[in-house]
Amino acid sequence: ATASTPDVIVGTAELPSGSGGTISGGTASGTIAPDISLTPPATSYLGKGQCPDQSRSHDNLQKSVVITRFLRTSPQTANAGNLFAAESGVPEVIHAQLSEQYQSIGPSVLQQGFAATNVNEAQLKQHAQKIARQSRTQFVLSGTIHDMAMDTPETTYAPNLYRRTANAFHDVSGIEKFDKRTRTLSMDVQLRDGFTGDLLFNKRYTTTGIWNQRKPVGFDSAAFFKTPYGKNVVALTDRVSQELAQVIHCQPFMATIDSSPGQAQILLHGGANNGLHAGDNLHLYQVIVVGSNTDYQVADTRLVKRDTRLHLSEVYPSHSIAVVEDGSYLNGSYLAVSE
């Protein structure tokens, strides 16, 4: 079929049972049928976290993000201080910072890790989509902690007489220059769109700090956050939160829709808690699943913008009632997207 160039989001999803990798939609009177040219793909609707035009910022509606338990590639580097809880502790710190600093972001924490690092991109997209469906969230945040090692552990745990004297001086004076008790935190952070699985943000963060605590205090203790290293970890996660918030603000609010053929009213999974009001209008995007020619049960998920819009007639805290503005009814899978 031919059509004017639509806005399309390209991602990867697991094929619904029995789909056979085909595109289907209703063509009966009153339905909105899929009208999409599959090749070449149109310009991606979602940006990569950039807002060249600040007027495109979508920070007036609250968007949900689930933060998974971080993975770790070198568990032994957490031995010093017994910091093995960092896998769940770092997500908790980011969750707290997002909650306190950004009203337009609704974060939650999942005590489940993301997919292992040895899977391919198609599987990562599928896993993000699965987590987002189960959590009913728009975004999925994951991370991998690569390193928490000390440069010279003996300077903290087995210092000679000179080093004990030097350590005492640094602890009393607060001067960190020439202090050898340095420790690293290196981690990757990824943000994915929950509807398509597309990667929106991927960055490695690294910081160092002085680890002067000889007791096995654990990651979640007050003693940990009082150390210079702990303070630098919090400063690093604050930078992570700021950059993630910028990416999320540049993305439109998106919500799933429940509709039945022949019914004009639809249920939208978003409401007053997200900042929606009765009378608001939202764009309508159709979810198109295109099967892969090479991979079994793998497909591209494309969100195609339709010419019609949704009008919110009733808004409740967690959901809304909407109607299609031209009186058509929906056949297929759709999303509501903020203007």
Protein backbone atom coordinates (compact mmCIF):
# COMPACT_ATOMS: atom_id res chain seq x y z
CA ALA A 1 0.00 0.00 0.00
CA THR A 2 1.12 3.55 -0.55
CA ALA A 3 0.66 6.49 1.76
CA SER A 4 2.21 9.78 2.71
CA THR A 5 5.37 9.17 4.71
CA PRO A 6 4.24 8.23 8.24
CA ASP A 7 6.19 8.62 11.44
CA VAL A 8 7.49 5.17 12.31
CA ILE A 9 9.26 3.75 15.31
CA VAL A 10 11.30 0.67 14.45
CA GLY A 11 12.06 -1.88 17.15
CA THR A 12 12.07 -5.60 17.79
CA ALA A 13 9.39 -7.72 19.41
CA GLU A 14 8.45 -11.31 19.86
CA LEU A 15 5.84 -12.38 17.34
CA PRO A 16 2.37 -12.91 18.75
CA SER A 17 1.25 -16.50 18.56
CA GLY A 18 -0.05 -17.37 15.13
CA SER A 19 0.97 -14.05 13.57
CA GLY A 20 3.20 -15.66 10.98
CA GLY A 21 5.08 -12.41 10.59
CA THR A 22 2.30 -10.75 8.62
CA ILE A 23 0.70 -7.34 8.87
CA SER A 24 -3.04 -7.39 9.24
CA GLY A 25 -5.81 -4.96 10.00
CA GLY A 26 -9.49 -4.42 9.45
CA THR A 27 -10.82 -3.01 6.24
CA ALA A 28 -14.50 -2.93 7.08
CA SER A 29 -16.38 0.35 7.09
CA GLY A 30 -15.61 2.40 10.16
CA THR A 31 -12.27 0.76 10.93
CA ILE A 32 -8.80 2.24 10.74
CA ALA A 33 -6.85 -0.15 8.51
CA PRO A 34 -3.05 -0.27 8.38
CA ASP A 35 -1.84 1.82 5.46
CA ILE A 36 1.95 1.67 5.55
CA SER A 37 4.77 1.42 3.09
CA LEU A 38 7.26 -0.93 4.70
CA THR A 39 10.27 -0.05 2.55
CA PRO A 40 12.08 2.16 3.02
CA PRO A 41 11.31 2.82 6.71
CA ALA A 42 10.31 6.33 7.60
CA THR A 43 12.15 8.60 9.97
CA SER A 44 12.23 7.38 13.57
CA TYR A 45 9.67 9.13 15.75
CA LEU A 46 11.66 8.77 18.95
CA GLY A 47 14.90 10.72 19.18
CA LYS A 48 18.10 9.57 20.85
CA GLY A 49 17.73 11.73 23.92
CA GLN A 50 18.40 15.01 22.15
CA CYS A 51 16.07 18.01 22.16
CA PRO A 52 17.54 20.45 19.62
CA ASP A 53 14.22 22.27 19.74
CA GLN A 54 13.37 22.78 23.40
CA SER A 55 9.72 23.24 22.44
CA ARG A 56 9.68 19.49 21.77
CA SER A 57 10.25 18.71 25.44
CA HIS A 58 7.43 16.49 26.75
CA ASP A 59 7.96 17.09 30.48
CA ASN A 60 4.37 18.20 31.21
CA LEU A 61 3.14 14.61 31.48
CA GLN A 62 4.52 12.03 33.89
CA LYS A 63 6.21 9.07 32.20
CA SER A 64 6.90 5.79 33.97
CA VAL A 65 10.25 4.00 34.07
CA VAL A 66 11.10 0.70 35.75
CA ILE A 67 14.66 0.26 37.02
CA THR A 68 15.89 -3.32 36.98
CA ARG A 69 18.49 -4.83 39.28
CA PHE A 70 21.94 -4.10 37.89
CA LEU A 71 24.19 -6.89 36.68
CA ARG A 72 27.81 -7.34 37.74
CA THR A 73 30.68 -8.63 35.63
CA SER A 74 33.35 -8.84 38.40
CA PRO A 75 31.68 -9.72 41.72
CA GLN A 76 35.02 -10.08 43.53
CA THR A 77 35.68 -6.34 43.22
CA ALA A 78 32.95 -5.75 45.84
CA ASN A 79 34.77 -7.81 48.48
CA ALA A 80 36.34 -4.81 50.20
CA GLY A 81 33.69 -3.48 52.56
CA ASN A 82 31.18 -6.19 51.60
CA LEU A 83 29.51 -4.04 48.94
CA PHE A 84 27.68 -6.88 47.18
CA ALA A 85 24.33 -5.09 47.56
CA ALA A 86 25.40 -2.53 44.96
CA GLU A 87 23.41 -4.47 42.33
CA SER A 88 20.19 -3.40 44.04
CA GLY A 89 21.59 -0.40 45.93
CA VAL A 90 22.61 1.66 42.90
CA PRO A 91 19.13 1.33 41.31
CA GLU A 92 17.57 2.34 44.65
CA VAL A 93 19.72 5.50 44.79
CA ILE A 94 18.80 6.42 41.20
CA HIS A 95 15.14 5.72 42.01
CA ALA A 96 15.27 8.06 45.01
CA GLN A 97 16.97 10.82 43.03
CA LEU A 98 14.50 10.63 40.13
CA SER A 99 11.55 10.60 42.55
CA GLU A 100 12.78 13.60 44.54
CA GLN A 101 14.01 15.78 41.70
CA TYR A 102 11.68 15.16 38.74
CA GLN A 103 7.91 15.26 39.13
CA SER A 104 7.42 14.36 35.47
CA ILE A 105 9.06 10.94 35.97
CA GLY A 106 7.42 8.08 37.85
CA PRO A 107 10.16 5.55 38.65
CA SER A 108 9.78 2.11 40.16
CA VAL A 109 12.31 -0.59 41.07
CA LEU A 110 12.19 -4.20 39.94
CA GLN A 111 14.09 -6.80 41.95
CA GLN A 112 14.87 -8.63 38.75
CA GLY A 113 17.96 -8.30 36.63
CA PHE A 114 17.94 -7.49 32.96
CA ALA A 115 19.02 -9.98 30.28
CA ALA A 116 22.55 -11.36 30.49
CA THR A 117 25.31 -9.57 28.63
CA ASN A 118 25.89 -12.43 26.16
CA VAL A 119 22.55 -12.11 24.33
CA ASN A 120 22.04 -10.30 21.04
CA GLU A 121 20.28 -7.00 20.44
CA ALA A 122 17.06 -8.63 19.24
CA GLN A 123 16.81 -10.59 22.50
CA LEU A 124 17.56 -7.46 24.54
CA LYS A 125 14.70 -5.65 22.83
CA GLN A 126 12.34 -8.54 23.47
CA HIS A 127 13.30 -8.66 27.12
CA ALA A 128 12.75 -4.91 27.55
CA GLN A 129 9.31 -5.21 25.98
CA LYS A 130 8.41 -8.11 28.25
CA ILE A 131 9.47 -6.22 31.39
CA ALA A 132 7.60 -3.10 30.27
CA ARG A 133 4.40 -5.08 29.63
CA GLN A 134 4.58 -6.79 33.01
CA SER A 135 5.36 -3.54 34.84
CA ARG A 136 3.05 -1.35 32.72
CA THR A 137 5.82 1.16 32.22
CA GLN A 138 6.95 3.23 29.25
CA PHE A 139 10.71 2.87 29.78
CA VAL A 140 13.08 0.21 31.10
CA LEU A 141 16.35 1.21 32.76
CA SER A 142 19.11 -1.36 33.22
CA GLY A 143 22.77 -1.28 34.13
CA THR A 144 25.93 -3.33 34.44
CA ILE A 145 28.55 -2.72 37.13
CA HIS A 146 31.96 -3.57 35.70
CA ASP A 147 34.39 -2.56 38.42
CA MET A 148 34.43 -1.61 42.12
CA ALA A 149 38.05 -2.51 42.79
CA MET A 150 40.58 -0.75 44.97
CA ASP A 151 43.84 0.31 43.34
CA THR A 152 45.94 -0.87 46.29
CA PRO A 153 43.80 -2.69 48.90
CA GLU A 154 46.72 -3.08 51.31
CA THR A 155 46.80 0.67 51.92
CA THR A 156 43.45 0.32 53.71
CA TYR A 157 43.52 -3.23 55.05
CA ALA A 158 47.22 -3.94 55.70
CA PRO A 159 49.04 -0.60 55.94
CA ASN A 160 52.60 -0.36 57.20
CA LEU A 161 53.56 2.14 59.88
CA TYR A 162 54.15 4.97 57.42
CA ARG A 163 50.88 4.33 55.65
CA ARG A 164 48.93 4.17 58.92
CA THR A 165 50.34 7.57 59.83
CA ALA A 166 49.52 8.95 56.38
CA ASN A 167 46.01 7.50 56.50
CA ALA A 168 45.37 9.14 59.88
CA PHE A 169 46.56 12.47 58.49
CA HIS A 170 44.27 12.24 55.47
CA ASP A 171 41.29 11.22 57.62
CA VAL A 172 41.76 14.13 60.05
CA SER A 173 42.63 16.79 57.49
CA GLY A 174 40.26 15.71 54.74
CA ILE A 175 43.04 16.22 52.19
CA GLU A 176 42.77 13.51 49.53
CA LYS A 177 45.84 14.40 47.48
CA PHE A 178 48.45 11.61 47.70
CA ASP A 179 45.96 9.37 49.55
CA LYS A 180 46.53 5.90 48.08
CA ARG A 181 43.26 4.32 49.23
CA THR A 182 41.46 4.95 45.95
CA ARG A 183 38.57 2.86 44.69
CA THR A 184 36.74 2.81 41.34
CA LEU A 185 33.13 2.49 40.28
CA SER A 186 32.57 1.82 36.58
CA MET A 187 29.15 0.98 35.18
CA ASP A 188 27.08 1.07 32.00
CA VAL A 189 23.54 2.46 32.04
CA GLN A 190 20.96 1.77 29.32
CA LEU A 191 17.47 3.17 28.81
CA ARG A 192 15.07 1.43 26.42
CA ASP A 193 11.65 2.24 25.08
CA GLY A 194 9.27 -0.33 26.53
CA PHE A 195 6.96 -0.53 23.52
CA THR A 196 9.59 -1.19 20.85
CA GLY A 197 12.63 -2.21 22.92
CA ASP A 198 14.69 0.41 21.11
CA LEU A 199 17.81 1.66 22.87
CA LEU A 200 17.41 5.35 23.71
CA PHE A 201 20.44 5.91 25.92
CA ASN A 202 23.66 4.00 26.54
CA LYS A 203 26.61 5.43 28.47
CA ARG A 204 29.48 4.31 30.68
CA TYR A 205 30.04 6.17 33.94
CA THR A 206 33.19 6.05 36.05
CA THR A 207 34.23 7.68 39.30
CA THR A 208 36.88 7.17 41.96
CA GLY A 209 37.04 7.96 45.65
CA ILE A 210 38.91 7.25 48.85
CA TRP A 211 37.83 4.05 50.60
CA ASN A 212 38.92 4.48 54.22
CA GLN A 213 36.45 2.11 55.89
CA ARG A 214 38.04 -1.14 57.09
CA LYS A 215 34.83 -2.73 58.42
CA PRO A 216 32.43 -4.73 56.18
CA VAL A 217 29.80 -2.01 56.34
CA GLY A 218 27.82 -3.01 53.22
CA PHE A 219 26.55 -0.79 50.44
CA ASP A 220 23.27 0.30 52.02
CA SER A 221 24.69 1.50 55.34
CA ALA A 222 25.06 5.05 56.61
CA ALA A 223 28.78 4.33 57.12
CA PHE A 224 29.19 3.64 53.40
CA PHE A 225 27.62 6.92 52.33
CA LYS A 226 29.82 8.85 54.78
CA THR A 227 33.01 7.66 53.11
CA PRO A 228 34.56 9.83 50.36
CA TYR A 229 33.99 6.95 47.97
CA GLY A 230 30.33 6.65 48.94
CA LYS A 231 29.81 10.40 48.48
CA ASN A 232 31.34 10.22 45.00
CA VAL A 233 29.10 7.27 44.13
CA VAL A 234 26.04 9.35 45.06
CA ALA A 235 27.37 12.28 43.02
CA LEU A 236 27.83 9.95 40.04
CA THR A 237 24.31 8.51 40.28
CA ASP A 238 22.98 12.06 40.52
CA ARG A 239 24.65 12.83 37.19
CA VAL A 240 23.16 9.63 35.79
CA SER A 241 19.71 10.71 36.98
CA GLN A 242 20.07 14.17 35.43
CA GLU A 243 21.07 12.80 32.04
CA LEU A 244 18.35 10.15 32.10
CA ALA A 245 15.76 12.80 32.97
CA GLN A 246 16.84 14.87 29.99
CA VAL A 247 16.39 11.86 27.69
CA ILE A 248 12.99 10.98 29.15
CA HIS A 249 11.77 14.58 28.92
CA CYS A 250 12.55 14.54 25.20
CA GLN A 251 10.31 11.52 24.64
CA PRO A 252 6.53 11.84 24.26
CA PHE A 253 4.15 10.35 26.77
CA MET A 254 2.84 7.03 25.44
CA ALA A 255 0.10 4.79 26.82
CA THR A 256 -1.52 1.53 25.77
CA ILE A 257 -5.12 1.36 24.62
CA ASP A 258 -7.83 -1.25 25.16
CA SER A 259 -10.50 -1.18 22.47
CA SER A 260 -13.15 -3.49 21.06
CA PRO A 261 -14.22 -3.61 17.41
CA GLY A 262 -17.45 -1.71 16.91
CA GLN A 263 -17.15 0.34 20.12
CA ALA A 264 -16.45 4.06 19.90
CA GLN A 265 -15.19 4.41 23.47
CA ILE A 266 -11.75 3.10 24.40
CA LEU A 267 -9.83 2.67 27.64
CA LEU A 268 -6.47 4.41 27.90
CA HIS A 269 -3.94 3.27 30.53
CA GLY A 270 -3.02 6.73 31.75
CA GLY A 271 -4.88 9.32 33.76
CA ALA A 272 -4.74 12.20 36.17
CA ASN A 273 -1.69 10.73 37.89
CA ASN A 274 0.15 11.26 34.60
CA GLY A 275 -1.12 14.85 34.21
CA LEU A 276 -3.93 14.12 31.73
CA HIS A 277 -7.18 16.11 31.80
CA ALA A 278 -10.61 15.74 30.27
CA GLY A 279 -10.60 17.46 26.90
CA ASP A 280 -6.98 16.60 26.10
CA ASN A 281 -6.15 15.30 22.63
CA LEU A 282 -3.56 12.60 21.92
CA HIS A 283 -2.10 11.28 18.71
CA LEU A 284 -3.01 7.77 17.64
CA TYR A 285 -0.26 5.34 16.62
CA GLN A 286 -0.90 1.85 15.30
CA VAL A 287 1.37 -1.00 16.35
CA ILE A 288 2.56 -2.94 13.30
CA VAL A 289 4.52 -6.19 13.74
CA VAL A 290 6.65 -7.32 10.81
CA GLY A 291 8.20 -10.79 10.92
CA SER A 292 11.90 -11.35 10.40
CA ASN A 293 13.06 -13.29 7.35
CA THR A 294 16.07 -14.72 9.19
CA ASP A 295 15.28 -15.07 12.91
CA TYR A 296 12.68 -17.42 14.40
CA GLN A 297 9.93 -15.67 16.41
CA VAL A 298 11.58 -12.27 16.03
CA ALA A 299 9.93 -9.28 14.41
CA ASP A 300 10.20 -5.52 13.97
CA THR A 301 7.68 -3.45 15.88
CA ARG A 302 6.71 -0.25 14.09
CA LEU A 303 4.46 2.46 15.46
CA VAL A 304 2.70 4.25 12.63
CA LYS A 305 1.13 7.64 13.14
CA ARG A 306 -2.48 7.93 12.02
CA ASP A 307 -4.21 11.09 10.83
CA THR A 308 -6.89 10.90 13.49
CA ARG A 309 -6.59 11.72 17.19
CA LEU A 310 -8.04 10.64 20.51
CA HIS A 311 -10.18 12.93 22.63
CA LEU A 312 -10.27 12.28 26.39
CA SER A 313 -13.86 12.46 27.66
CA GLU A 314 -13.35 11.13 31.20
CA VAL A 315 -10.13 11.08 33.22
CA TYR A 316 -9.54 9.06 36.39
CA PRO A 317 -6.35 8.69 38.48
CA SER A 318 -4.91 5.70 36.61
CA HIS A 319 -6.96 5.49 33.41
CA SER A 320 -9.07 7.51 31.01
CA ILE A 321 -11.99 7.07 28.65
CA ALA A 322 -11.42 8.38 25.13
CA VAL A 323 -13.12 8.49 21.76
CA VAL A 324 -11.67 8.63 18.26
CA GLU A 325 -12.34 12.13 16.98
CA ASP A 326 -13.80 11.12 13.59
CA GLY A 327 -16.12 8.50 15.06
CA SER A 328 -14.21 5.50 13.71
CA TYR A 329 -13.58 2.42 15.80
CA LEU A 330 -10.24 0.74 16.19
CA ASN A 331 -9.25 -2.63 14.84
CA GLY A 332 -5.80 -3.80 15.90
CA SER A 333 -3.28 -2.62 18.46
CA TYR A 334 -2.76 1.10 19.13
CA LEU A 335 -0.95 3.52 21.42
CA ALA A 336 -1.88 7.02 22.53
CA VAL A 337 0.99 9.51 22.17
CA SER A 338 1.21 13.06 23.51
CA GLU A 339 1.27 15.94 21.06
